[in-house]
C-alpha cells in the first residue's frame, strides 16, 4: 500500500501502518494497484485522525471496509438529488482522440478551457488533431491556456524532463518551515480555509469537515465551479465567494487568514503568489499556520506551473497506455483514483501537521497527482484480467438536507457523517 511511504513522509511512527487492516475488496479492478492506493490513502488519514483525536497511537487495529473505500473513490457516480442522478460527468470534448501519430487526452469541462481549446485548434478541434502530432496538439492547447496531454508510455514519461522531476520527489512532503507558538491539537472546530477546486482538494477538505473541522471554501466569482461537483464534495462545509483581485476581497481574505488554523490550496504552484500566498510569504506572515499545497505535476520541473486533472495525468504518465483496451484505445483507472487518494492524503497531512503544532512550528505539505501516479506505476501489478463487479452502494449512502433538496451521498469511509449537507456556491458569508 501507499500507506508506508506516505506515513513515513508525514513523519509518523513507522510501527503504526501495521495497525491498519482491511476487510473485503475495493472492487477497483485494474492491472495497476488501484485498490492498494485507495486503502493506503484512506489508511493514512484514519491513522492521523486517531492519533490527533487520542493524543497517542491507536490502541488497536484501524479496520477499513475495503468495499466502502472503493465506493467512496467513485462517490460522484452515486450522487442523487431528490432521488435523481446528479453526478458530474465529462464534457463531449473531454476525451481521448487520435492524433496523426498517437492519441491525445483533452479536458474541456470548464468554459475557459473549452474556449482555449477552440482558440488553439479552431471550430472543429477533433478534425485538426487528426492532422497533428500528439505532442504538437499538447503544446498548442497548453500555450492557449487549455488542458491536454499526449498519451505517453511509462518509459516515455520516465525519460522526459517533467517525468524525471516528479520521479525525484517522494510520494508527498511535510516539513516544519518556521517557528510558531504551541497550540492545543484538535479536529473539532479546526478552522480550514479551502482554496481548492474539482475533486482532489475538495475531497481532502470534505474529509476534514466530516471530523468536525470548520471548513470555509472560497471561490472566485469569476471562476465558476460545476454545481454537481460542489454537491459531491461540499457536505459539511460552508461556501463563500471572494475575489482576491479586489481590495475588499483582499481585506476580507486577510481577516480570514488571521483566524485560520489551516490553508489548503489546489491552484497551480505560483498561481496565487501575487496575492502573497506563496509558501515562503505565508510562513513569514502567518507563523503557526498549516499549509497544504496540492497540484497536478508537483512543485519542481518544467511542468510545475502547468494545468492538469486526474485524467490528464493518467494520459501523460503512462497509465492510459498501461490500461489500454484490447483494440488499442487508451484506458483509464476504474475511478479517478489519483484525485481521491490525493484528497485523503491532504487530510492526513493536515492532521499530522496539526498534531505536531502541539510542539509549535509552522508546517507546510506538498503533494501532486503525478507523484501518486509515479507510485502507482512502480507498485506490483496484477497478472489477472481486472474484474470490477457493479458495487452495491446502498449500505454506504446517506441522505442529507440541503438548499438544493435531499442529497444522497456516499458516507465518508471511517469518519463521522457530515453535520449538514452541501450548499451552493456563495451561500455563506466570508467570515468565521
Foldseek 3Di string as FASTA:
>chain_A
DCQQLLCVQLVHDNVQVVLEEEDDAQLQWDLFPLLCLQSNLLSLLLQLVVCLVVVHGDPGHDYFHNNLSSCQLFFLQVKDFPRHRDGDDADPQQAWADACAAIKGFGCPFPVQVVLQCVQQNDDNRVSRNDDDRVVSQVSSQVSVHDMAAFDALVVLCPDFLSVFLVVDGQKHKDFDWWFAADRQDLAAAEEEQAEADFQQLLQVLVSLLQHYAYEYEAAPVGDHDQNSLQFSFFSYHAAYAHLVDPVRLVLVVQSLQPHQEYEHEAQQPPCVVSQPHPVSCCVPPKNHEYEYEYARWCDTPCSRTHDALVRLCRRNRVQVSRADPVRGGDDGSGSSLRNSSSSSSNSSVSSVSSVSNVTGYMYMYHHSNSSVVVRVPDRTDPDRTGRPDRDQVVQWDWFQEPSHTMITGADTPGHRRPGGGYGHRPDDSDD
